[in-house]
Amino acid sequence: MDLKLNGKTALVTGATAGIGLEIAKSLAAEGVEVTIPGRSTDKLTAAASEIQAATGRNVRTVVADLSTAEGAAVVTKNVTDVDILVNNLGIYAVVPFVDITDEEWNRYFEINVLGGIRLSRFYLPKMKERNWGRIIFISSESGLMTPGVMAHYGMTKTAQLAVSRGLANETQGTSVTVNAVLPGPTRSEASEGFLRSISTRPDAPLADVEAEFFQTHRSMSLLRRLIEPEEVASLVTYLASPLASATNGTAVRVDGGVVPTIA
């Protein structure tokens, strides 16, 4: 299927690993000119090389810390316009609610929410002016069903749903869309450590640790396995395309059936 993305431009945050890296690969494979920002020159270089090897397309990199307003300004100065903005940057950790400090609440909001807000505030008016564009927030099923030990993370993912819907309301009558994507538990560099940190048998084979996680912590999952980041990326790439023109202001779940209700 031709997604009609050839020649479009995209900025994908948090793209040096995991879901973001696979989104960047998927978009590049469709002919999109992709830019990835990040704090580490080494990680950016490695990610760009991986994307180039997988797709045959060069990727632009920008060194910037998107957890700060100054970092966002660096990105927008270097990337003055894009057709597609994927707000994927995010952090998470398992912390008992009573142990989450004010500083951590603020840090999670700054990175997971304000990072995407700052970029959207800059690029959305340009998209509306030319009457085409896509903004996609990578939220999480935790935005709908927040674990108590990840309350600060879930708070930011719920906030992203509110922000994405609010921005979508600003696009009425245009060919610009704003949506959120809600992955369920997804395989990543950090997922093994995360699963082992909450397992009753942290030294067991990974397959057993994964099975225990879904039995104990995500028993509503229909998939009963970790989602592969490529599976999330394929949905994001479709939503970024002209073929998804009628999908706007919604939260699209790729959660393996973890959330049982329509939301």
C-alpha atoms as a PDB file:
ATOM      1  CA  MET A   1       0.000   0.000   0.000  1.00  0.00           C
ATOM      2  CA  ASP A   2       1.290   3.447  -0.933  1.00  0.00           C
ATOM      3  CA  LEU A   3       0.863   5.691   2.113  1.00  0.00           C
ATOM      4  CA  LYS A   4       1.586   8.765  -0.021  1.00  0.00           C
ATOM      5  CA  LEU A   5       4.271   9.998   2.341  1.00  0.00           C
ATOM      6  CA  ASN A   6       7.165  10.296  -0.084  1.00  0.00           C
ATOM      7  CA  GLY A   7       8.777  13.738   0.221  1.00  0.00           C
ATOM      8  CA  LYS A   8       7.074  14.646   3.517  1.00  0.00           C
ATOM      9  CA  THR A   9       9.181  15.826   6.455  1.00  0.00           C
ATOM     10  CA  ALA A  10       8.987  14.572  10.033  1.00  0.00           C
ATOM     11  CA  LEU A  11      10.435  15.303  13.449  1.00  0.00           C
ATOM     12  CA  VAL A  12      10.409  12.292  15.780  1.00  0.00           C
ATOM     13  CA  THR A  13      11.444  12.821  19.399  1.00  0.00           C
ATOM     14  CA  GLY A  14      12.845  10.097  21.627  1.00  0.00           C
ATOM     15  CA  ALA A  15      13.995   8.243  18.518  1.00  0.00           C
ATOM     16  CA  THR A  16      17.374   6.868  19.524  1.00  0.00           C
ATOM     17  CA  ALA A  17      15.824   3.592  20.738  1.00  0.00           C
ATOM     18  CA  GLY A  18      12.593   1.672  21.187  1.00  0.00           C
ATOM     19  CA  ILE A  19       9.310   2.858  19.738  1.00  0.00           C
ATOM     20  CA  GLY A  20      10.706   6.180  18.545  1.00  0.00           C
ATOM     21  CA  LEU A  21      13.517   4.534  16.601  1.00  0.00           C
ATOM     22  CA  GLU A  22      11.090   2.174  14.884  1.00  0.00           C
ATOM     23  CA  ILE A  23       8.759   5.080  14.041  1.00  0.00           C
ATOM     24  CA  ALA A  24      11.678   6.936  12.467  1.00  0.00           C
ATOM     25  CA  LYS A  25      12.612   3.823  10.479  1.00  0.00           C
ATOM     26  CA  SER A  26       9.046   3.253   9.326  1.00  0.00           C
ATOM     27  CA  LEU A  27       8.590   6.841   8.179  1.00  0.00           C
ATOM     28  CA  ALA A  28      11.961   6.875   6.430  1.00  0.00           C
ATOM     29  CA  ALA A  29      11.071   3.659   4.622  1.00  0.00           C
ATOM     30  CA  GLU A  30       8.026   5.468   3.215  1.00  0.00           C
ATOM     31  CA  GLY A  31      10.220   8.234   1.789  1.00  0.00           C
ATOM     32  CA  VAL A  32       9.856  10.737   4.621  1.00  0.00           C
ATOM     33  CA  GLU A  33      12.762  13.064   5.388  1.00  0.00           C
ATOM     34  CA  VAL A  34      13.215  12.392   9.107  1.00  0.00           C
ATOM     35  CA  THR A  35      14.915  14.486  11.775  1.00  0.00           C
ATOM     36  CA  ILE A  36      15.650  13.078  15.230  1.00  0.00           C
ATOM     37  CA  PRO A  37      16.710  15.285  18.175  1.00  0.00           C
ATOM     38  CA  GLY A  38      18.409  14.076  21.328  1.00  0.00           C
ATOM     39  CA  ARG A  39      20.926  14.876  24.042  1.00  0.00           C
ATOM     40  CA  SER A  40      23.644  12.388  23.113  1.00  0.00           C
ATOM     41  CA  THR A  41      25.651  12.815  19.932  1.00  0.00           C
ATOM     42  CA  ASP A  42      26.780   9.190  20.114  1.00  0.00           C
ATOM     43  CA  LYS A  43      23.240   7.833  20.446  1.00  0.00           C
ATOM     44  CA  LEU A  44      21.987  10.073  17.644  1.00  0.00           C
ATOM     45  CA  THR A  45      24.790   8.942  15.351  1.00  0.00           C
ATOM     46  CA  ALA A  46      24.116   5.281  16.126  1.00  0.00           C
ATOM     47  CA  ALA A  47      20.368   5.676  15.540  1.00  0.00           C
ATOM     48  CA  ALA A  48      20.871   7.566  12.285  1.00  0.00           C
ATOM     49  CA  SER A  49      23.256   4.860  11.068  1.00  0.00           C
ATOM     50  CA  GLU A  50      20.741   2.140  11.961  1.00  0.00           C
ATOM     51  CA  ILE A  51      17.935   3.930  10.142  1.00  0.00           C
ATOM     52  CA  GLN A  52      20.135   4.505   7.097  1.00  0.00           C
ATOM     53  CA  ALA A  53      21.170   0.856   7.026  1.00  0.00           C
ATOM     54  CA  ALA A  54      17.562  -0.306   7.299  1.00  0.00           C
ATOM     55  CA  THR A  55      16.000   2.110   4.814  1.00  0.00           C
ATOM     56  CA  GLY A  56      18.791   3.503   2.657  1.00  0.00           C
ATOM     57  CA  ARG A  57      17.799   7.026   3.637  1.00  0.00           C
ATOM     58  CA  ASN A  58      19.824   9.612   5.504  1.00  0.00           C
ATOM     59  CA  VAL A  59      18.459  11.054   8.725  1.00  0.00           C
ATOM     60  CA  ARG A  60      19.121  14.498  10.103  1.00  0.00           C
ATOM     61  CA  THR A  61      20.076  14.832  13.772  1.00  0.00           C
ATOM     62  CA  VAL A  62      19.886  17.772  16.193  1.00  0.00           C
ATOM     63  CA  VAL A  63      21.646  17.771  19.556  1.00  0.00           C
ATOM     64  CA  ALA A  64      19.207  19.273  22.078  1.00  0.00           C
ATOM     65  CA  ASP A  65      17.657  18.517  25.449  1.00  0.00           C
ATOM     66  CA  LEU A  66      13.900  18.579  24.899  1.00  0.00           C
ATOM     67  CA  SER A  67      13.223  18.470  28.623  1.00  0.00           C
ATOM     68  CA  THR A  68      13.947  22.206  28.625  1.00  0.00           C
ATOM     69  CA  ALA A  69      12.545  25.247  26.862  1.00  0.00           C
ATOM     70  CA  GLU A  70      16.068  26.054  25.698  1.00  0.00           C
ATOM     71  CA  GLY A  71      16.385  22.653  24.071  1.00  0.00           C
ATOM     72  CA  ALA A  72      13.061  23.060  22.275  1.00  0.00           C
ATOM     73  CA  ALA A  73      14.271  26.420  20.977  1.00  0.00           C
ATOM     74  CA  VAL A  74      17.393  24.754  19.563  1.00  0.00           C
ATOM     75  CA  VAL A  75      15.248  22.243  17.697  1.00  0.00           C
ATOM     76  CA  THR A  76      12.831  24.784  16.253  1.00  0.00           C
ATOM     77  CA  LYS A  77      15.705  27.023  15.198  1.00  0.00           C
ATOM     78  CA  ASN A  78      17.298  24.147  13.276  1.00  0.00           C
ATOM     79  CA  VAL A  79      14.059  22.610  12.017  1.00  0.00           C
ATOM     80  CA  THR A  80      11.844  25.517  11.049  1.00  0.00           C
ATOM     81  CA  ASP A  81       8.959  23.492   9.619  1.00  0.00           C
ATOM     82  CA  VAL A  82       7.761  19.889   9.420  1.00  0.00           C
ATOM     83  CA  ASP A  83       4.797  18.054   7.949  1.00  0.00           C
ATOM     84  CA  ILE A  84       4.719  15.447  10.716  1.00  0.00           C
ATOM     85  CA  LEU A  85       5.530  15.848  14.417  1.00  0.00           C
ATOM     86  CA  VAL A  86       5.720  12.718  16.559  1.00  0.00           C
ATOM     87  CA  ASN A  87       5.953  13.563  20.268  1.00  0.00           C
ATOM     88  CA  ASN A  88       7.410  10.306  21.549  1.00  0.00           C
ATOM     89  CA  LEU A  89       9.960  11.460  24.135  1.00  0.00           C
ATOM     90  CA  GLY A  90       9.147  10.074  27.559  1.00  0.00           C
ATOM     91  CA  ILE A  91      10.515   8.504  30.732  1.00  0.00           C
ATOM     92  CA  TYR A  92       9.022   6.027  33.176  1.00  0.00           C
ATOM     93  CA  ALA A  93       9.919   4.171  36.370  1.00  0.00           C
ATOM     94  CA  VAL A  94       8.301   2.075  39.067  1.00  0.00           C
ATOM     95  CA  VAL A  95       8.116   4.121  42.276  1.00  0.00           C
ATOM     96  CA  PRO A  96       5.662   3.717  45.189  1.00  0.00           C
ATOM     97  CA  PHE A  97       3.298   6.680  45.210  1.00  0.00           C
ATOM     98  CA  VAL A  98       4.335   7.893  48.651  1.00  0.00           C
ATOM     99  CA  ASP A  99       7.961   7.993  47.522  1.00  0.00           C
ATOM    100  CA  ILE A 100       7.418  10.207  44.470  1.00  0.00           C
ATOM    101  CA  THR A 101       8.776  13.631  45.348  1.00  0.00           C
ATOM    102  CA  ASP A 102       7.559  17.002  44.125  1.00  0.00           C
ATOM    103  CA  GLU A 103      10.716  17.241  42.053  1.00  0.00           C
ATOM    104  CA  GLU A 104       9.929  13.966  40.295  1.00  0.00           C
ATOM    105  CA  TRP A 105       6.330  14.986  39.565  1.00  0.00           C
ATOM    106  CA  ASN A 106       7.652  18.177  37.981  1.00  0.00           C
ATOM    107  CA  ARG A 107      10.415  16.388  36.067  1.00  0.00           C
ATOM    108  CA  TYR A 108       7.996  13.885  34.550  1.00  0.00           C
ATOM    109  CA  PHE A 109       5.616  16.638  33.508  1.00  0.00           C
ATOM    110  CA  GLU A 110       8.449  18.702  32.023  1.00  0.00           C
ATOM    111  CA  ILE A 111       9.781  15.849  29.900  1.00  0.00           C
ATOM    112  CA  ASN A 112       6.690  13.846  29.010  1.00  0.00           C
ATOM    113  CA  VAL A 113       4.182  16.665  28.563  1.00  0.00           C
ATOM    114  CA  LEU A 114       5.802  20.073  28.129  1.00  0.00           C
ATOM    115  CA  GLY A 115       8.364  18.677  25.694  1.00  0.00           C
ATOM    116  CA  GLY A 116       5.608  17.883  23.213  1.00  0.00           C
ATOM    117  CA  ILE A 117       3.594  21.000  24.002  1.00  0.00           C
ATOM    118  CA  ARG A 118       6.490  23.316  23.167  1.00  0.00           C
ATOM    119  CA  LEU A 119       7.090  21.711  19.779  1.00  0.00           C
ATOM    120  CA  SER A 120       3.374  21.541  18.959  1.00  0.00           C
ATOM    121  CA  ARG A 121       2.940  25.205  19.857  1.00  0.00           C
ATOM    122  CA  PHE A 122       5.608  26.067  17.299  1.00  0.00           C
ATOM    123  CA  TYR A 123       4.669  23.748  14.428  1.00  0.00           C
ATOM    124  CA  LEU A 124       0.851  23.661  14.608  1.00  0.00           C
ATOM    125  CA  PRO A 125       0.310  27.235  13.299  1.00  0.00           C
ATOM    126  CA  LYS A 126       2.590  26.486  10.344  1.00  0.00           C
ATOM    127  CA  MET A 127       0.652  23.311   9.561  1.00  0.00           C
ATOM    128  CA  LYS A 128      -2.636  25.187   9.686  1.00  0.00           C
ATOM    129  CA  GLU A 129      -1.255  27.934   7.466  1.00  0.00           C
ATOM    130  CA  ARG A 130      -0.418  25.499   4.677  1.00  0.00           C
ATOM    131  CA  ASN A 131      -3.521  23.382   5.469  1.00  0.00           C
ATOM    132  CA  TRP A 132      -1.749  20.058   6.027  1.00  0.00           C
ATOM    133  CA  GLY A 133       0.050  18.404   8.880  1.00  0.00           C
ATOM    134  CA  ARG A 134       0.094  15.646  11.460  1.00  0.00           C
ATOM    135  CA  ILE A 135       0.821  15.822  15.189  1.00  0.00           C
ATOM    136  CA  ILE A 136       0.901  12.507  17.027  1.00  0.00           C
ATOM    137  CA  PHE A 137       1.441  12.105  20.765  1.00  0.00           C
ATOM    138  CA  ILE A 138       2.706   8.715  21.932  1.00  0.00           C
ATOM    139  CA  SER A 139       0.713   8.248  25.117  1.00  0.00           C
ATOM    140  CA  SER A 140       0.154   4.895  26.863  1.00  0.00           C
ATOM    141  CA  GLU A 141      -2.499   2.545  28.153  1.00  0.00           C
ATOM    142  CA  SER A 142      -1.297   3.776  31.550  1.00  0.00           C
ATOM    143  CA  GLY A 143      -3.047   7.037  30.720  1.00  0.00           C
ATOM    144  CA  LEU A 144      -6.330   5.145  31.051  1.00  0.00           C
ATOM    145  CA  MET A 145      -5.392   2.475  33.621  1.00  0.00           C
ATOM    146  CA  THR A 146      -2.644   3.951  35.770  1.00  0.00           C
ATOM    147  CA  PRO A 147      -0.652   1.583  38.027  1.00  0.00           C
ATOM    148  CA  GLY A 148      -0.264   2.953  41.543  1.00  0.00           C
ATOM    149  CA  VAL A 149       3.497   2.532  41.348  1.00  0.00           C
ATOM    150  CA  MET A 150       3.619   4.583  38.152  1.00  0.00           C
ATOM    151  CA  ALA A 151       1.228   7.378  39.103  1.00  0.00           C
ATOM    152  CA  HIS A 152       3.577  10.148  37.953  1.00  0.00           C
ATOM    153  CA  TYR A 153       4.032   8.462  34.571  1.00  0.00           C
ATOM    154  CA  GLY A 154       0.301   7.765  34.144  1.00  0.00           C
ATOM    155  CA  MET A 155      -0.483  11.383  35.001  1.00  0.00           C
ATOM    156  CA  THR A 156       1.636  12.564  32.083  1.00  0.00           C
ATOM    157  CA  LYS A 157       0.094  10.069  29.681  1.00  0.00           C
ATOM    158  CA  THR A 158      -3.416  11.205  30.631  1.00  0.00           C
ATOM    159  CA  ALA A 159      -2.316  14.812  30.177  1.00  0.00           C
ATOM    160  CA  GLN A 160      -1.152  13.981  26.662  1.00  0.00           C
ATOM    161  CA  LEU A 161      -4.647  12.756  25.821  1.00  0.00           C
ATOM    162  CA  ALA A 162      -6.126  16.042  26.984  1.00  0.00           C
ATOM    163  CA  VAL A 163      -3.555  18.109  25.107  1.00  0.00           C
ATOM    164  CA  SER A 164      -3.925  16.158  21.867  1.00  0.00           C
ATOM    165  CA  ARG A 165      -7.703  16.473  21.911  1.00  0.00           C
ATOM    166  CA  GLY A 166      -7.491  20.162  22.722  1.00  0.00           C
ATOM    167  CA  LEU A 167      -5.108  20.772  19.837  1.00  0.00           C
ATOM    168  CA  ALA A 168      -7.322  18.753  17.507  1.00  0.00           C
ATOM    169  CA  ASN A 169     -10.171  21.122  18.303  1.00  0.00           C
ATOM    170  CA  GLU A 170      -7.976  23.895  16.875  1.00  0.00           C
ATOM    171  CA  THR A 171      -7.812  22.143  13.492  1.00  0.00           C
ATOM    172  CA  GLN A 172     -11.503  22.251  12.576  1.00  0.00           C
ATOM    173  CA  GLY A 173     -12.069  22.678   8.859  1.00  0.00           C
ATOM    174  CA  THR A 174      -8.417  22.055   7.968  1.00  0.00           C
ATOM    175  CA  SER A 175      -6.402  19.090   6.696  1.00  0.00           C
ATOM    176  CA  VAL A 176      -4.350  19.025   9.877  1.00  0.00           C
ATOM    177  CA  THR A 177      -4.922  16.217  12.375  1.00  0.00           C
ATOM    178  CA  VAL A 178      -3.812  15.667  15.964  1.00  0.00           C
ATOM    179  CA  ASN A 179      -4.087  12.246  17.531  1.00  0.00           C
ATOM    180  CA  ALA A 180      -2.705  10.199  20.390  1.00  0.00           C
ATOM    181  CA  VAL A 181      -1.488   6.608  20.177  1.00  0.00           C
ATOM    182  CA  LEU A 182      -1.700   4.403  23.272  1.00  0.00           C
ATOM    183  CA  PRO A 183       0.730   1.476  23.226  1.00  0.00           C
ATOM    184  CA  GLY A 184       0.459  -1.271  25.779  1.00  0.00           C
ATOM    185  CA  PRO A 185       3.510  -2.907  27.364  1.00  0.00           C
ATOM    186  CA  THR A 186       6.124  -2.798  24.601  1.00  0.00           C
ATOM    187  CA  ARG A 187       9.478  -4.492  24.197  1.00  0.00           C
ATOM    188  CA  SER A 188      12.405  -2.090  24.532  1.00  0.00           C
ATOM    189  CA  GLU A 189      15.911  -1.838  25.911  1.00  0.00           C
ATOM    190  CA  ALA A 190      14.422  -0.991  29.290  1.00  0.00           C
ATOM    191  CA  SER A 191      11.556  -3.499  29.302  1.00  0.00           C
ATOM    192  CA  GLU A 192      13.573  -6.483  30.552  1.00  0.00           C
ATOM    193  CA  GLY A 193      14.848  -4.532  33.544  1.00  0.00           C
ATOM    194  CA  PHE A 194      11.361  -3.202  34.228  1.00  0.00           C
ATOM    195  CA  LEU A 195       9.769  -6.651  34.140  1.00  0.00           C
ATOM    196  CA  ARG A 196      12.478  -8.127  36.337  1.00  0.00           C
ATOM    197  CA  SER A 197      12.145  -5.271  38.836  1.00  0.00           C
ATOM    198  CA  ILE A 198       8.539  -6.243  39.590  1.00  0.00           C
ATOM    199  CA  SER A 199       8.893 -10.019  39.229  1.00  0.00           C
ATOM    200  CA  THR A 200       8.788 -12.441  42.149  1.00  0.00           C
ATOM    201  CA  ARG A 201      11.570 -14.349  40.341  1.00  0.00           C
ATOM    202  CA  PRO A 202      13.781 -11.679  38.822  1.00  0.00           C
ATOM    203  CA  ASP A 203      16.510 -14.187  37.894  1.00  0.00           C
ATOM    204  CA  ALA A 204      14.172 -16.512  35.987  1.00  0.00           C
ATOM    205  CA  PRO A 205      14.372 -16.818  32.168  1.00  0.00           C
ATOM    206  CA  LEU A 206      12.949 -13.747  30.482  1.00  0.00           C
ATOM    207  CA  ALA A 207      10.076 -15.699  28.928  1.00  0.00           C
ATOM    208  CA  ASP A 208       8.957 -16.764  32.421  1.00  0.00           C
ATOM    209  CA  VAL A 209       9.284 -13.220  33.768  1.00  0.00           C
ATOM    210  CA  GLU A 210       7.205 -11.927  30.857  1.00  0.00           C
ATOM    211  CA  ALA A 211       4.538 -14.584  31.415  1.00  0.00           C
ATOM    212  CA  GLU A 212       4.332 -13.708  35.121  1.00  0.00           C
ATOM    213  CA  PHE A 213       3.938 -10.017  34.268  1.00  0.00           C
ATOM    214  CA  PHE A 214       0.892 -10.648  32.114  1.00  0.00           C
ATOM    215  CA  GLN A 215      -0.587 -13.103  34.584  1.00  0.00           C
ATOM    216  CA  THR A 216      -0.156 -10.778  37.578  1.00  0.00           C
ATOM    217  CA  HIS A 217      -0.069  -7.195  36.293  1.00  0.00           C
ATOM    218  CA  ARG A 218      -1.809  -7.202  32.897  1.00  0.00           C
ATOM    219  CA  SER A 219      -4.267 -10.063  33.171  1.00  0.00           C
ATOM    220  CA  MET A 220      -6.748  -8.296  30.831  1.00  0.00           C
ATOM    221  CA  SER A 221      -4.277  -8.479  27.934  1.00  0.00           C
ATOM    222  CA  LEU A 222      -5.613 -10.368  24.946  1.00  0.00           C
ATOM    223  CA  LEU A 223      -2.196 -10.499  23.302  1.00  0.00           C
ATOM    224  CA  ARG A 224      -0.471 -12.025  26.345  1.00  0.00           C
ATOM    225  CA  ARG A 225       2.954 -10.873  25.209  1.00  0.00           C
ATOM    226  CA  LEU A 226       4.991  -7.719  24.890  1.00  0.00           C
ATOM    227  CA  ILE A 227       4.141  -5.627  21.858  1.00  0.00           C
ATOM    228  CA  GLU A 228       6.985  -5.216  19.395  1.00  0.00           C
ATOM    229  CA  PRO A 229       7.925  -1.564  18.745  1.00  0.00           C
ATOM    230  CA  GLU A 230       7.485  -2.173  15.003  1.00  0.00           C
ATOM    231  CA  GLU A 231       3.817  -2.909  15.648  1.00  0.00           C
ATOM    232  CA  VAL A 232       3.352   0.510  17.200  1.00  0.00           C
ATOM    233  CA  ALA A 233       5.381   2.191  14.467  1.00  0.00           C
ATOM    234  CA  SER A 234       3.211   0.823  11.673  1.00  0.00           C
ATOM    235  CA  LEU A 235       0.103   2.368  13.221  1.00  0.00           C
ATOM    236  CA  VAL A 236       1.837   5.697  13.771  1.00  0.00           C
ATOM    237  CA  THR A 237       3.033   5.749  10.167  1.00  0.00           C
ATOM    238  CA  TYR A 238      -0.491   5.180   8.906  1.00  0.00           C
ATOM    239  CA  LEU A 239      -1.858   7.977  11.113  1.00  0.00           C
ATOM    240  CA  ALA A 240       0.867  10.260   9.761  1.00  0.00           C
ATOM    241  CA  SER A 241      -0.222   9.597   6.197  1.00  0.00           C
ATOM    242  CA  PRO A 242      -2.802  11.318   3.989  1.00  0.00           C
ATOM    243  CA  LEU A 243      -4.780   8.065   4.085  1.00  0.00           C
ATOM    244  CA  ALA A 244      -5.714   8.796   7.717  1.00  0.00           C
ATOM    245  CA  SER A 245      -7.279  12.168   6.918  1.00  0.00           C
ATOM    246  CA  ALA A 246     -10.577  11.362   8.669  1.00  0.00           C
ATOM    247  CA  THR A 247      -8.924  10.292  11.927  1.00  0.00           C
ATOM    248  CA  ASN A 248      -8.610  13.356  14.128  1.00  0.00           C
ATOM    249  CA  GLY A 249      -8.907  14.143  17.820  1.00  0.00           C
ATOM    250  CA  THR A 250      -8.887  10.534  18.890  1.00  0.00           C
ATOM    251  CA  ALA A 251      -6.869   8.153  21.057  1.00  0.00           C
ATOM    252  CA  VAL A 252      -5.919   5.091  19.035  1.00  0.00           C
ATOM    253  CA  ARG A 253      -4.976   2.053  21.090  1.00  0.00           C
ATOM    254  CA  VAL A 254      -2.309  -0.468  20.143  1.00  0.00           C
ATOM    255  CA  ASP A 255      -2.353  -2.072  23.570  1.00  0.00           C
ATOM    256  CA  GLY A 256      -2.940  -5.735  22.843  1.00  0.00           C
ATOM    257  CA  GLY A 257      -6.382  -5.518  24.422  1.00  0.00           C
ATOM    258  CA  VAL A 258      -5.136  -4.497  27.874  1.00  0.00           C
ATOM    259  CA  VAL A 259      -7.813  -1.808  28.199  1.00  0.00           C
ATOM    260  CA  PRO A 260     -11.136  -3.664  28.128  1.00  0.00           C
ATOM    261  CA  THR A 261     -13.464  -0.696  27.691  1.00  0.00           C
ATOM    262  CA  ILE A 262     -13.989   1.696  24.796  1.00  0.00           C
ATOM    263  CA  ALA A 263     -12.190   4.940  25.559  1.00  0.00           C
END
